[in-house]
Amino acid sequence: MNEVLEINIKNLPSAYKELLGQLDPDTLNTYSRPQGVRRLSIRGRVFRKVMGKEELTQLNGPIKAVIVKTAPLSRIYYDEPYVEGQTSPPTCWSADTNTGRPSDDVLEESAQATSCVECPQNIKGSGANDSKACRYRQSIAILLADNDGMVVSKEVYQLSLPATSIFAKDDTTQKMGLQAYARFLSAQERPVPPAALLTEISFDPDKSVPTLNFKPLRVLEEAELALAIEIQQAPETERLIALSTPKLIEGASPPVQEKVEATPTKEVPPVEEVIEEPKVKAVKNKKPAPTEEVDLASMLDDFDD
C-alpha cells in the first residue's frame, strides 16, 4: 500500500505545464443530437461503438480512454416501461440538476412538478424495487486509446452513464464511479484534470447491471495532451454531451418503471440496481482520498529528467 497520492506538477517540463494550463480544470462538472454522432454503448455489459442507430463494432473491455469533457448531472423520467428495440421520448427531465427544475422544453402537461425537489417521482418508492422513478444520468465525451495504448485519434465518443456508474463507491479506490474518481483526483495535493490522464474504464463484475469503474493509468504524453485540449475546446464536443430529447439514451436501457405491459412482445432488461443517490449539492468538507495501490506521483517520474 502506498501513502496518500500526490501529483508533483512542479516537476513537469515548462512546455507540458503550459499545455496543462489550457485544460478546463472542471472537466468532471437543448440541442438536437446529430444522427451521425459517435456513441459508446454499454448495453449488455459490452462496450459497443455505435454511429446513429448502427452498431459498428464491439470492444474487449476494459477500455483505455481520456475523459475530455463532462455534462452536468441530469435527471430523466419515463412514464412507460422500457421495451427492447424501441426508442421513446422521456416524459419529464432536467438537463442540469443544479437548476432544481424541469428543463424549459418539457411540455407543461408532462412536467411532474415545478421543482425537482418537490417532484413525486423523486421520492424513494416511486420506482421499481423501492427506487426513485426519476433517475440521474450523465454524459461524458471520451477519446479512445488505440491497441498500443496511445491516444492518436480525434474521434470523440459520447458515453452516457446511469446512476450506478456515477455514484458507485468502494472503501478502496479500486471501484470508483465517476464522482468518486473526480473526488479522488481533486483531493491530491496538486490535482491534475481527468483530461490529462489516461483512464481505465471497466465493468464491475460484482454488479448485476452494467456499472462502470474508473481508474487512472498514466499521465498523457505531450502530443496526447495537445489532442485532448483541441477536442475539449471544440464546440462539437459540447454539443455531443448536451442533453437532447427524445434520443438522449438511444441504445442504452432507460430504467424500467412500475407499469408493466399486459402482453410484452420483447424481452425487458433487468431493473437498474437500486443505489443510494447522494445530494447533488457539493459538500464543502471533503473526506481525504483513501490509500491506493496506484501511485499517481510515480506516473510523473519520467518528467523529472
C-alpha atoms as a PDB file:
ATOM      1  CA  MET A   1       0.000   0.000   0.000  1.00  0.00           C
ATOM      2  CA  ASN A   2       1.327   3.423  -0.928  1.00  0.00           C
ATOM      3  CA  GLU A   3       0.692   6.521   1.088  1.00  0.00           C
ATOM      4  CA  VAL A   4      -1.914   9.118   0.086  1.00  0.00           C
ATOM      5  CA  LEU A   5      -1.280  10.091  -3.514  1.00  0.00           C
ATOM      6  CA  GLU A   6       0.464  13.247  -4.589  1.00  0.00           C
ATOM      7  CA  ILE A   7       0.905  14.742  -8.034  1.00  0.00           C
ATOM      8  CA  ASN A   8       4.034  16.853  -8.300  1.00  0.00           C
ATOM      9  CA  ILE A   9       3.187  19.155 -11.194  1.00  0.00           C
ATOM     10  CA  LYS A  10       6.212  21.318 -10.365  1.00  0.00           C
ATOM     11  CA  ASN A  11       8.452  18.538 -11.729  1.00  0.00           C
ATOM     12  CA  LEU A  12       6.886  18.732 -15.188  1.00  0.00           C
ATOM     13  CA  PRO A  13       8.688  20.493 -18.061  1.00  0.00           C
ATOM     14  CA  SER A  14       7.508  24.066 -18.621  1.00  0.00           C
ATOM     15  CA  ALA A  15       6.129  23.209 -22.082  1.00  0.00           C
ATOM     16  CA  TYR A  16       3.936  20.488 -20.584  1.00  0.00           C
ATOM     17  CA  LYS A  17       2.709  22.776 -17.797  1.00  0.00           C
ATOM     18  CA  GLU A  18       1.725  25.397 -20.385  1.00  0.00           C
ATOM     19  CA  LEU A  19      -0.355  22.780 -22.186  1.00  0.00           C
ATOM     20  CA  LEU A  20      -1.847  21.579 -18.907  1.00  0.00           C
ATOM     21  CA  GLY A  21      -2.972  25.109 -18.133  1.00  0.00           C
ATOM     22  CA  GLN A  22      -5.159  25.120 -21.230  1.00  0.00           C
ATOM     23  CA  LEU A  23      -7.352  22.305 -19.924  1.00  0.00           C
ATOM     24  CA  ASP A  24     -10.631  23.029 -18.225  1.00  0.00           C
ATOM     25  CA  PRO A  25      -9.902  22.189 -14.562  1.00  0.00           C
ATOM     26  CA  ASP A  26     -13.548  21.257 -14.000  1.00  0.00           C
ATOM     27  CA  THR A  27     -13.660  18.505 -16.620  1.00  0.00           C
ATOM     28  CA  LEU A  28     -15.853  16.461 -14.298  1.00  0.00           C
ATOM     29  CA  ASN A  29     -18.924  19.116 -13.721  1.00  0.00           C
ATOM     30  CA  THR A  30     -31.298  21.926 -25.823  1.00  0.00           C
ATOM     31  CA  TYR A  31     -29.512  20.706 -28.706  1.00  0.00           C
ATOM     32  CA  SER A  32     -30.879  18.023 -31.077  1.00  0.00           C
ATOM     33  CA  ARG A  33     -28.180  15.407 -31.419  1.00  0.00           C
ATOM     34  CA  PRO A  34     -26.998  14.701 -34.998  1.00  0.00           C
ATOM     35  CA  GLN A  35     -27.853  11.284 -36.367  1.00  0.00           C
ATOM     36  CA  GLY A  36     -24.182  10.594 -37.097  1.00  0.00           C
ATOM     37  CA  VAL A  37     -22.936  11.078 -33.544  1.00  0.00           C
ATOM     38  CA  ARG A  38     -20.452   8.536 -32.247  1.00  0.00           C
ATOM     39  CA  ARG A  39     -21.507   6.821 -29.044  1.00  0.00           C
ATOM     40  CA  LEU A  40     -20.144   4.136 -26.802  1.00  0.00           C
ATOM     41  CA  SER A  41     -22.960   1.905 -25.563  1.00  0.00           C
ATOM     42  CA  ILE A  42     -22.664  -0.368 -22.515  1.00  0.00           C
ATOM     43  CA  ARG A  43     -25.759  -2.413 -23.296  1.00  0.00           C
ATOM     44  CA  GLY A  44     -25.437  -5.999 -22.114  1.00  0.00           C
ATOM     45  CA  ARG A  45     -22.178  -5.267 -20.241  1.00  0.00           C
ATOM     46  CA  VAL A  46     -20.349  -4.911 -23.558  1.00  0.00           C
ATOM     47  CA  PHE A  47     -18.628  -1.812 -24.923  1.00  0.00           C
ATOM     48  CA  ARG A  48     -20.144  -1.130 -28.339  1.00  0.00           C
ATOM     49  CA  LYS A  49     -19.167   1.551 -30.849  1.00  0.00           C
ATOM     50  CA  VAL A  50     -22.380   2.988 -32.271  1.00  0.00           C
ATOM     51  CA  MET A  51     -22.956   5.538 -35.032  1.00  0.00           C
ATOM     52  CA  GLY A  52     -26.526   6.807 -35.025  1.00  0.00           C
ATOM     53  CA  LYS A  53     -28.550   3.596 -34.757  1.00  0.00           C
ATOM     54  CA  GLU A  54     -25.910   1.341 -36.304  1.00  0.00           C
ATOM     55  CA  GLU A  55     -23.586  -0.744 -34.145  1.00  0.00           C
ATOM     56  CA  LEU A  56     -20.139  -0.650 -35.747  1.00  0.00           C
ATOM     57  CA  THR A  57     -18.103  -2.958 -33.543  1.00  0.00           C
ATOM     58  CA  GLN A  58     -17.657  -4.326 -30.045  1.00  0.00           C
ATOM     59  CA  LEU A  59     -14.628  -3.657 -27.864  1.00  0.00           C
ATOM     60  CA  ASN A  60     -12.919  -6.007 -25.471  1.00  0.00           C
ATOM     61  CA  GLY A  61     -13.026  -4.462 -22.018  1.00  0.00           C
ATOM     62  CA  PRO A  62     -11.635  -2.821 -20.076  1.00  0.00           C
ATOM     63  CA  ILE A  63     -11.014   0.167 -22.332  1.00  0.00           C
ATOM     64  CA  LYS A  64      -8.451   2.956 -22.061  1.00  0.00           C
ATOM     65  CA  ALA A  65      -9.710   6.479 -22.678  1.00  0.00           C
ATOM     66  CA  VAL A  66      -9.338  10.182 -21.923  1.00  0.00           C
ATOM     67  CA  ILE A  67     -12.328  11.933 -20.331  1.00  0.00           C
ATOM     68  CA  VAL A  68     -12.174  15.251 -22.184  1.00  0.00           C
ATOM     69  CA  LYS A  69     -15.497  16.754 -21.127  1.00  0.00           C
ATOM     70  CA  THR A  70     -18.417  16.033 -18.802  1.00  0.00           C
ATOM     71  CA  ALA A  71     -22.009  17.248 -18.962  1.00  0.00           C
ATOM     72  CA  PRO A  72     -23.863  18.469 -15.868  1.00  0.00           C
ATOM     73  CA  LEU A  73     -25.833  15.888 -13.917  1.00  0.00           C
ATOM     74  CA  SER A  74     -29.260  15.437 -15.465  1.00  0.00           C
ATOM     75  CA  ARG A  75     -32.429  13.662 -14.365  1.00  0.00           C
ATOM     76  CA  ILE A  76     -34.856  11.825 -16.593  1.00  0.00           C
ATOM     77  CA  TYR A  77     -38.263  10.247 -16.013  1.00  0.00           C
ATOM     78  CA  TYR A  78     -40.121   7.754 -18.221  1.00  0.00           C
ATOM     79  CA  ASP A  79     -43.828   7.219 -17.671  1.00  0.00           C
ATOM     80  CA  GLU A  80     -43.855   3.969 -19.656  1.00  0.00           C
ATOM     81  CA  PRO A  81     -41.764   0.793 -19.244  1.00  0.00           C
ATOM     82  CA  TYR A  82     -38.770   0.262 -21.472  1.00  0.00           C
ATOM     83  CA  VAL A  83     -39.153  -2.186 -24.370  1.00  0.00           C
ATOM     84  CA  GLU A  84     -36.028  -3.515 -26.090  1.00  0.00           C
ATOM     85  CA  GLY A  85     -35.590  -2.080 -29.579  1.00  0.00           C
ATOM     86  CA  GLN A  86     -37.944   0.852 -29.089  1.00  0.00           C
ATOM     87  CA  THR A  87     -36.938   4.476 -28.562  1.00  0.00           C
ATOM     88  CA  SER A  88     -39.457   6.635 -26.743  1.00  0.00           C
ATOM     89  CA  PRO A  89     -39.060  10.213 -25.531  1.00  0.00           C
ATOM     90  CA  PRO A  90     -38.898  10.771 -21.772  1.00  0.00           C
ATOM     91  CA  THR A  91     -41.907  12.258 -20.021  1.00  0.00           C
ATOM     92  CA  CYS A  92     -40.014  14.817 -17.955  1.00  0.00           C
ATOM     93  CA  TRP A  93     -36.355  15.708 -17.484  1.00  0.00           C
ATOM     94  CA  SER A  94     -33.891  18.234 -16.115  1.00  0.00           C
ATOM     95  CA  ALA A  95     -30.845  18.949 -18.273  1.00  0.00           C
ATOM     96  CA  ASP A  96     -28.942  20.335 -15.277  1.00  0.00           C
ATOM     97  CA  THR A  97     -29.938  19.322 -11.752  1.00  0.00           C
ATOM     98  CA  ASN A  98     -28.238  22.444 -10.391  1.00  0.00           C
ATOM     99  CA  THR A  99     -31.257  24.415 -11.639  1.00  0.00           C
ATOM    100  CA  GLY A 100     -33.580  22.325  -9.463  1.00  0.00           C
ATOM    101  CA  ARG A 101     -36.378  22.348 -12.019  1.00  0.00           C
ATOM    102  CA  PRO A 102     -37.521  20.611 -15.217  1.00  0.00           C
ATOM    103  CA  SER A 103     -35.965  21.793 -18.464  1.00  0.00           C
ATOM    104  CA  ASP A 104     -37.713  24.600 -20.328  1.00  0.00           C
ATOM    105  CA  ASP A 105     -38.504  22.315 -23.271  1.00  0.00           C
ATOM    106  CA  VAL A 106     -40.552  19.888 -21.160  1.00  0.00           C
ATOM    107  CA  LEU A 107     -44.224  20.165 -22.122  1.00  0.00           C
ATOM    108  CA  GLU A 108     -46.329  21.805 -19.433  1.00  0.00           C
ATOM    109  CA  GLU A 109     -48.702  18.843 -19.306  1.00  0.00           C
ATOM    110  CA  SER A 110     -45.761  16.431 -18.980  1.00  0.00           C
ATOM    111  CA  ALA A 111     -43.891  18.205 -16.184  1.00  0.00           C
ATOM    112  CA  GLN A 112     -44.208  16.173 -12.994  1.00  0.00           C
ATOM    113  CA  ALA A 113     -43.634  19.190 -10.708  1.00  0.00           C
ATOM    114  CA  THR A 114     -42.362  22.755 -10.794  1.00  0.00           C
ATOM    115  CA  SER A 115     -39.325  21.734  -8.778  1.00  0.00           C
ATOM    116  CA  CYS A 116     -37.262  18.535  -8.806  1.00  0.00           C
ATOM    117  CA  VAL A 117     -37.057  18.720  -5.010  1.00  0.00           C
ATOM    118  CA  GLU A 118     -40.864  18.591  -4.702  1.00  0.00           C
ATOM    119  CA  CYS A 119     -41.391  16.069  -7.511  1.00  0.00           C
ATOM    120  CA  PRO A 120     -43.295  12.884  -6.565  1.00  0.00           C
ATOM    121  CA  GLN A 121     -41.073  10.923  -8.988  1.00  0.00           C
ATOM    122  CA  ASN A 122     -38.054  11.954  -6.897  1.00  0.00           C
ATOM    123  CA  ILE A 123     -39.303  10.093  -3.824  1.00  0.00           C
ATOM    124  CA  LYS A 124     -37.973   6.709  -2.807  1.00  0.00           C
ATOM    125  CA  GLY A 125     -40.613   4.096  -3.625  1.00  0.00           C
ATOM    126  CA  SER A 126     -41.947   5.885  -6.711  1.00  0.00           C
ATOM    127  CA  GLY A 127     -39.988   3.483  -8.932  1.00  0.00           C
ATOM    128  CA  ALA A 128     -39.406  -0.240  -9.132  1.00  0.00           C
ATOM    129  CA  ASN A 129     -37.716  -2.055  -6.237  1.00  0.00           C
ATOM    130  CA  ASP A 130     -38.376   0.858  -3.873  1.00  0.00           C
ATOM    131  CA  SER A 131     -36.217   3.146  -6.030  1.00  0.00           C
ATOM    132  CA  LYS A 132     -36.875   6.637  -7.361  1.00  0.00           C
ATOM    133  CA  ALA A 133     -38.754   6.707 -10.653  1.00  0.00           C
ATOM    134  CA  CYS A 134     -36.730   9.714 -11.852  1.00  0.00           C
ATOM    135  CA  ARG A 135     -33.109   8.704 -12.373  1.00  0.00           C
ATOM    136  CA  TYR A 136     -29.806  10.501 -12.621  1.00  0.00           C
ATOM    137  CA  ARG A 137     -27.968  10.378 -15.932  1.00  0.00           C
ATOM    138  CA  GLN A 138     -24.678  11.979 -17.026  1.00  0.00           C
ATOM    139  CA  SER A 139     -22.842  12.049 -20.344  1.00  0.00           C
ATOM    140  CA  ILE A 140     -19.091  12.274 -20.875  1.00  0.00           C
ATOM    141  CA  ALA A 141     -17.019  12.785 -24.013  1.00  0.00           C
ATOM    142  CA  ILE A 142     -14.063  10.430 -24.360  1.00  0.00           C
ATOM    143  CA  LEU A 143     -11.141   9.758 -26.672  1.00  0.00           C
ATOM    144  CA  LEU A 144     -10.254   6.084 -27.025  1.00  0.00           C
ATOM    145  CA  ALA A 145      -6.679   4.799 -26.940  1.00  0.00           C
ATOM    146  CA  ASP A 146      -5.517   2.527 -29.759  1.00  0.00           C
ATOM    147  CA  ASN A 147      -4.293  -1.053 -29.432  1.00  0.00           C
ATOM    148  CA  ASP A 148      -0.887   0.236 -28.324  1.00  0.00           C
ATOM    149  CA  GLY A 149      -2.476   2.258 -25.518  1.00  0.00           C
ATOM    150  CA  MET A 150      -1.817   5.601 -27.227  1.00  0.00           C
ATOM    151  CA  VAL A 151      -4.341   8.382 -27.886  1.00  0.00           C
ATOM    152  CA  VAL A 152      -3.909   9.431 -31.512  1.00  0.00           C
ATOM    153  CA  SER A 153      -7.431   9.587 -32.995  1.00  0.00           C
ATOM    154  CA  LYS A 154      -9.622  12.693 -32.964  1.00  0.00           C
ATOM    155  CA  GLU A 155     -12.774  10.553 -32.952  1.00  0.00           C
ATOM    156  CA  VAL A 156     -14.672  11.574 -29.819  1.00  0.00           C
ATOM    157  CA  TYR A 157     -17.406   9.366 -28.353  1.00  0.00           C
ATOM    158  CA  GLN A 158     -20.363  10.098 -26.107  1.00  0.00           C
ATOM    159  CA  LEU A 159     -20.715   7.744 -23.149  1.00  0.00           C
ATOM    160  CA  SER A 160     -23.979   8.024 -21.209  1.00  0.00           C
ATOM    161  CA  LEU A 161     -23.709   6.898 -17.581  1.00  0.00           C
ATOM    162  CA  PRO A 162     -26.570   5.634 -15.399  1.00  0.00           C
ATOM    163  CA  ALA A 163     -26.684   6.414 -11.672  1.00  0.00           C
ATOM    164  CA  THR A 164     -24.809   3.237 -10.731  1.00  0.00           C
ATOM    165  CA  SER A 165     -21.779   4.376 -12.740  1.00  0.00           C
ATOM    166  CA  ILE A 166     -21.971   7.953 -11.450  1.00  0.00           C
ATOM    167  CA  PHE A 167     -22.291   7.321  -7.724  1.00  0.00           C
ATOM    168  CA  ALA A 168     -20.629   3.902  -7.332  1.00  0.00           C
ATOM    169  CA  LYS A 169     -18.128   3.925  -4.481  1.00  0.00           C
ATOM    170  CA  ASP A 170     -15.985   1.481  -2.569  1.00  0.00           C
ATOM    171  CA  ASP A 171     -13.915   1.559   0.632  1.00  0.00           C
ATOM    172  CA  THR A 172     -10.835   1.468  -1.597  1.00  0.00           C
ATOM    173  CA  THR A 173     -10.216   3.267  -4.876  1.00  0.00           C
ATOM    174  CA  GLN A 174     -10.410   0.030  -6.844  1.00  0.00           C
ATOM    175  CA  LYS A 175     -14.089   0.535  -7.733  1.00  0.00           C
ATOM    176  CA  MET A 176     -14.722   4.224  -8.278  1.00  0.00           C
ATOM    177  CA  GLY A 177     -17.747   5.647 -10.037  1.00  0.00           C
ATOM    178  CA  LEU A 178     -17.355   8.927 -11.918  1.00  0.00           C
ATOM    179  CA  GLN A 179     -17.915  11.200  -8.912  1.00  0.00           C
ATOM    180  CA  ALA A 180     -15.651   9.163  -6.627  1.00  0.00           C
ATOM    181  CA  TYR A 181     -12.976   9.290  -9.329  1.00  0.00           C
ATOM    182  CA  ALA A 182     -13.308  13.066  -9.604  1.00  0.00           C
ATOM    183  CA  ARG A 183     -13.053  13.487  -5.825  1.00  0.00           C
ATOM    184  CA  PHE A 184     -10.053  11.165  -5.736  1.00  0.00           C
ATOM    185  CA  LEU A 185      -8.174  13.262  -8.299  1.00  0.00           C
ATOM    186  CA  SER A 186      -9.160  16.626  -6.806  1.00  0.00           C
ATOM    187  CA  ALA A 187      -8.124  15.519  -3.306  1.00  0.00           C
ATOM    188  CA  GLN A 188      -4.477  15.279  -4.341  1.00  0.00           C
ATOM    189  CA  GLU A 189      -2.083  17.970  -3.125  1.00  0.00           C
ATOM    190  CA  ARG A 190      -1.548  19.066  -6.715  1.00  0.00           C
ATOM    191  CA  PRO A 191      -4.616  17.894  -8.683  1.00  0.00           C
ATOM    192  CA  VAL A 192      -4.498  17.130 -12.386  1.00  0.00           C
ATOM    193  CA  PRO A 193      -7.682  17.310 -14.513  1.00  0.00           C
ATOM    194  CA  PRO A 194      -9.010  13.930 -15.713  1.00  0.00           C
ATOM    195  CA  ALA A 195      -8.439  15.175 -19.270  1.00  0.00           C
ATOM    196  CA  ALA A 196      -4.679  14.987 -18.605  1.00  0.00           C
ATOM    197  CA  LEU A 197      -4.816  11.299 -17.680  1.00  0.00           C
ATOM    198  CA  LEU A 198      -5.354   8.038 -19.492  1.00  0.00           C
ATOM    199  CA  THR A 199      -8.155   6.311 -17.597  1.00  0.00           C
ATOM    200  CA  GLU A 200      -9.145   2.675 -17.479  1.00  0.00           C
ATOM    201  CA  ILE A 201     -12.910   2.159 -17.714  1.00  0.00           C
ATOM    202  CA  SER A 202     -14.150  -1.309 -16.792  1.00  0.00           C
ATOM    203  CA  PHE A 203     -17.336  -3.150 -15.838  1.00  0.00           C
ATOM    204  CA  ASP A 204     -17.772  -4.049 -12.187  1.00  0.00           C
ATOM    205  CA  PRO A 205     -18.021  -7.860 -12.209  1.00  0.00           C
ATOM    206  CA  ASP A 206     -19.858  -7.843  -8.878  1.00  0.00           C
ATOM    207  CA  LYS A 207     -22.836  -5.815 -10.156  1.00  0.00           C
ATOM    208  CA  SER A 208     -25.925  -7.333 -11.757  1.00  0.00           C
ATOM    209  CA  VAL A 209     -26.418  -4.364 -14.088  1.00  0.00           C
ATOM    210  CA  PRO A 210     -23.777  -2.597 -16.226  1.00  0.00           C
ATOM    211  CA  THR A 211     -21.757  -0.493 -13.762  1.00  0.00           C
ATOM    212  CA  LEU A 212     -18.549   1.243 -14.792  1.00  0.00           C
ATOM    213  CA  ASN A 213     -15.454   1.814 -12.644  1.00  0.00           C
ATOM    214  CA  PHE A 214     -12.749   4.393 -13.344  1.00  0.00           C
ATOM    215  CA  LYS A 215      -9.034   4.078 -12.593  1.00  0.00           C
ATOM    216  CA  PRO A 216      -6.031   6.296 -13.542  1.00  0.00           C
ATOM    217  CA  LEU A 217      -3.359   4.639 -15.673  1.00  0.00           C
ATOM    218  CA  ARG A 218      -0.844   7.310 -16.631  1.00  0.00           C
ATOM    219  CA  VAL A 219      -0.306  10.958 -17.458  1.00  0.00           C
ATOM    220  CA  LEU A 220      -0.770  11.822 -21.136  1.00  0.00           C
ATOM    221  CA  GLU A 221       2.248  12.480 -23.287  1.00  0.00           C
ATOM    222  CA  GLU A 222       2.566  15.978 -24.718  1.00  0.00           C
ATOM    223  CA  ALA A 223       1.138  15.093 -28.134  1.00  0.00           C
ATOM    224  CA  GLU A 224      -1.798  13.329 -26.483  1.00  0.00           C
ATOM    225  CA  LEU A 225      -2.413  16.272 -24.161  1.00  0.00           C
ATOM    226  CA  ALA A 226      -2.435  18.700 -27.090  1.00  0.00           C
ATOM    227  CA  LEU A 227      -5.022  16.480 -28.793  1.00  0.00           C
ATOM    228  CA  ALA A 228      -7.162  16.358 -25.637  1.00  0.00           C
ATOM    229  CA  ILE A 229      -7.086  20.170 -25.412  1.00  0.00           C
ATOM    230  CA  GLU A 230      -8.121  20.535 -29.054  1.00  0.00           C
ATOM    231  CA  ILE A 231     -11.061  18.165 -28.644  1.00  0.00           C
ATOM    232  CA  GLN A 232     -12.124  19.613 -25.286  1.00  0.00           C
ATOM    233  CA  GLN A 233     -12.337  23.125 -26.710  1.00  0.00           C
ATOM    234  CA  ALA A 234     -14.184  22.115 -29.892  1.00  0.00           C
ATOM    235  CA  PRO A 235     -17.837  23.318 -29.971  1.00  0.00           C
ATOM    236  CA  GLU A 236     -18.858  19.928 -31.349  1.00  0.00           C
ATOM    237  CA  THR A 237     -17.738  18.255 -28.121  1.00  0.00           C
ATOM    238  CA  GLU A 238     -20.015  20.487 -26.040  1.00  0.00           C
ATOM    239  CA  ARG A 239     -22.939  19.637 -28.312  1.00  0.00           C
ATOM    240  CA  LEU A 240     -22.060  15.946 -28.149  1.00  0.00           C
ATOM    241  CA  ILE A 241     -22.727  15.690 -24.413  1.00  0.00           C
ATOM    242  CA  ALA A 242     -25.599  18.170 -24.198  1.00  0.00           C
ATOM    243  CA  LEU A 243     -28.906  16.655 -23.111  1.00  0.00           C
ATOM    244  CA  SER A 244     -31.114  16.173 -26.140  1.00  0.00           C
ATOM    245  CA  THR A 245     -34.514  14.578 -26.412  1.00  0.00           C
ATOM    246  CA  PRO A 246     -36.111  12.285 -27.356  1.00  0.00           C
ATOM    247  CA  LYS A 247     -32.937  10.353 -28.133  1.00  0.00           C
ATOM    248  CA  LEU A 248     -30.835  11.076 -25.058  1.00  0.00           C
ATOM    249  CA  ILE A 249     -30.154   7.441 -24.244  1.00  0.00           C
ATOM    250  CA  GLU A 250     -30.897   5.790 -27.548  1.00  0.00           C
ATOM    251  CA  GLY A 251     -29.303   2.358 -27.429  1.00  0.00           C
ATOM    252  CA  ALA A 252     -28.999   2.411 -23.628  1.00  0.00           C
ATOM    253  CA  SER A 253     -31.505   0.979 -21.192  1.00  0.00           C
ATOM    254  CA  PRO A 254     -33.784   3.547 -19.522  1.00  0.00           C
ATOM    255  CA  PRO A 255     -34.927   2.493 -16.067  1.00  0.00           C
ATOM    256  CA  VAL A 256     -37.972   0.230 -16.077  1.00  0.00           C
ATOM    257  CA  GLN A 257     -40.939   1.882 -14.361  1.00  0.00           C
ATOM    258  CA  GLU A 258     -43.527   0.172 -12.204  1.00  0.00           C
ATOM    259  CA  LYS A 259     -46.055  -0.127 -15.007  1.00  0.00           C
ATOM    260  CA  VAL A 260     -45.941  -3.439 -16.863  1.00  0.00           C
ATOM    261  CA  GLU A 261     -47.340  -4.125 -20.306  1.00  0.00           C
ATOM    262  CA  ALA A 262     -50.081  -6.727 -20.322  1.00  0.00           C
ATOM    263  CA  THR A 263     -48.612  -8.676 -23.224  1.00  0.00           C
ATOM    264  CA  PRO A 264     -44.976  -7.709 -23.722  1.00  0.00           C
ATOM    265  CA  THR A 265     -43.626  -8.866 -27.038  1.00  0.00           C
ATOM    266  CA  LYS A 266     -39.964  -8.256 -26.345  1.00  0.00           C
ATOM    267  CA  GLU A 267     -37.629  -9.056 -23.521  1.00  0.00           C
ATOM    268  CA  VAL A 268     -37.419  -6.381 -20.836  1.00  0.00           C
ATOM    269  CA  PRO A 269     -33.926  -5.885 -19.354  1.00  0.00           C
ATOM    270  CA  PRO A 270     -33.404  -6.232 -15.598  1.00  0.00           C
ATOM    271  CA  VAL A 271     -34.341  -3.298 -13.422  1.00  0.00           C
ATOM    272  CA  GLU A 272     -31.438  -0.990 -12.712  1.00  0.00           C
ATOM    273  CA  GLU A 273     -29.847  -1.763  -9.372  1.00  0.00           C
ATOM    274  CA  VAL A 274     -31.082   0.486  -6.579  1.00  0.00           C
ATOM    275  CA  ILE A 275     -28.368   2.616  -5.010  1.00  0.00           C
ATOM    276  CA  GLU A 276     -28.470   5.433  -2.519  1.00  0.00           C
ATOM    277  CA  GLU A 277     -28.159   8.623  -4.561  1.00  0.00           C
ATOM    278  CA  PRO A 278     -26.352  11.461  -2.766  1.00  0.00           C
ATOM    279  CA  LYS A 279     -27.487  15.054  -2.894  1.00  0.00           C
ATOM    280  CA  VAL A 280     -26.376  16.949  -5.961  1.00  0.00           C
ATOM    281  CA  LYS A 281     -25.001  19.884  -3.974  1.00  0.00           C
ATOM    282  CA  ALA A 282     -21.307  19.531  -3.269  1.00  0.00           C
ATOM    283  CA  VAL A 283     -20.159  19.130   0.317  1.00  0.00           C
ATOM    284  CA  LYS A 284     -17.516  21.637   1.343  1.00  0.00           C
ATOM    285  CA  ASN A 285     -15.649  19.368   3.750  1.00  0.00           C
ATOM    286  CA  LYS A 286     -14.205  16.635   1.584  1.00  0.00           C
ATOM    287  CA  LYS A 287     -13.042  13.358   3.012  1.00  0.00           C
ATOM    288  CA  PRO A 288      -9.357  12.640   2.404  1.00  0.00           C
ATOM    289  CA  ALA A 289      -8.601  10.361  -0.508  1.00  0.00           C
ATOM    290  CA  PRO A 290      -8.163   6.722   0.541  1.00  0.00           C
ATOM    291  CA  THR A 291      -4.898   4.914   0.039  1.00  0.00           C
ATOM    292  CA  GLU A 292      -4.449   3.267  -3.315  1.00  0.00           C
ATOM    293  CA  GLU A 293      -2.231   0.702  -4.920  1.00  0.00           C
ATOM    294  CA  VAL A 294      -1.690   3.005  -7.905  1.00  0.00           C
ATOM    295  CA  ASP A 295       0.668   5.860  -7.012  1.00  0.00           C
ATOM    296  CA  LEU A 296      -0.155   8.820  -9.244  1.00  0.00           C
ATOM    297  CA  ALA A 297       3.023  10.634  -8.216  1.00  0.00           C
ATOM    298  CA  SER A 298       5.093   7.873  -9.767  1.00  0.00           C
ATOM    299  CA  MET A 299       3.337   8.462 -13.076  1.00  0.00           C
ATOM    300  CA  LEU A 300       5.206  11.745 -13.379  1.00  0.00           C
ATOM    301  CA  ASP A 301       8.664  10.405 -12.595  1.00  0.00           C
ATOM    302  CA  ASP A 302       9.536  10.306 -16.283  1.00  0.00           C
ATOM    303  CA  PHE A 303       9.267  14.088 -16.422  1.00  0.00           C
ATOM    304  CA  ASP A 304      11.868  14.665 -13.711  1.00  0.00           C
ATOM    305  CA  ASP A 305      14.764  14.312 -16.129  1.00  0.00           C
END
